[in-house]
């Protein structure tokens, strides 16, 4: 069975962002996708993994900022 793919419009709806946001992420190379002819497609599984990875990165940044704040207050 073939894995379903999402269009730009479907992905924007799935992520609750504008289509322009999707294009911006693509231009920066931050979003996993591939082109079929002139049209972008996205595997839902890849997008879900991308979401998980970005949540981990943001969590690490948040924890690092807390640690840095604590170190500054201890000085």
Foldseek 3Di string as FASTA:
>chain_A
DDQDKDFLVRVCVVVVHDSVVVVVCVVVVLADWDDDVNTIIGGVVRRVVSVVVVVVVVVVVVVVVVVVVVVVVVD
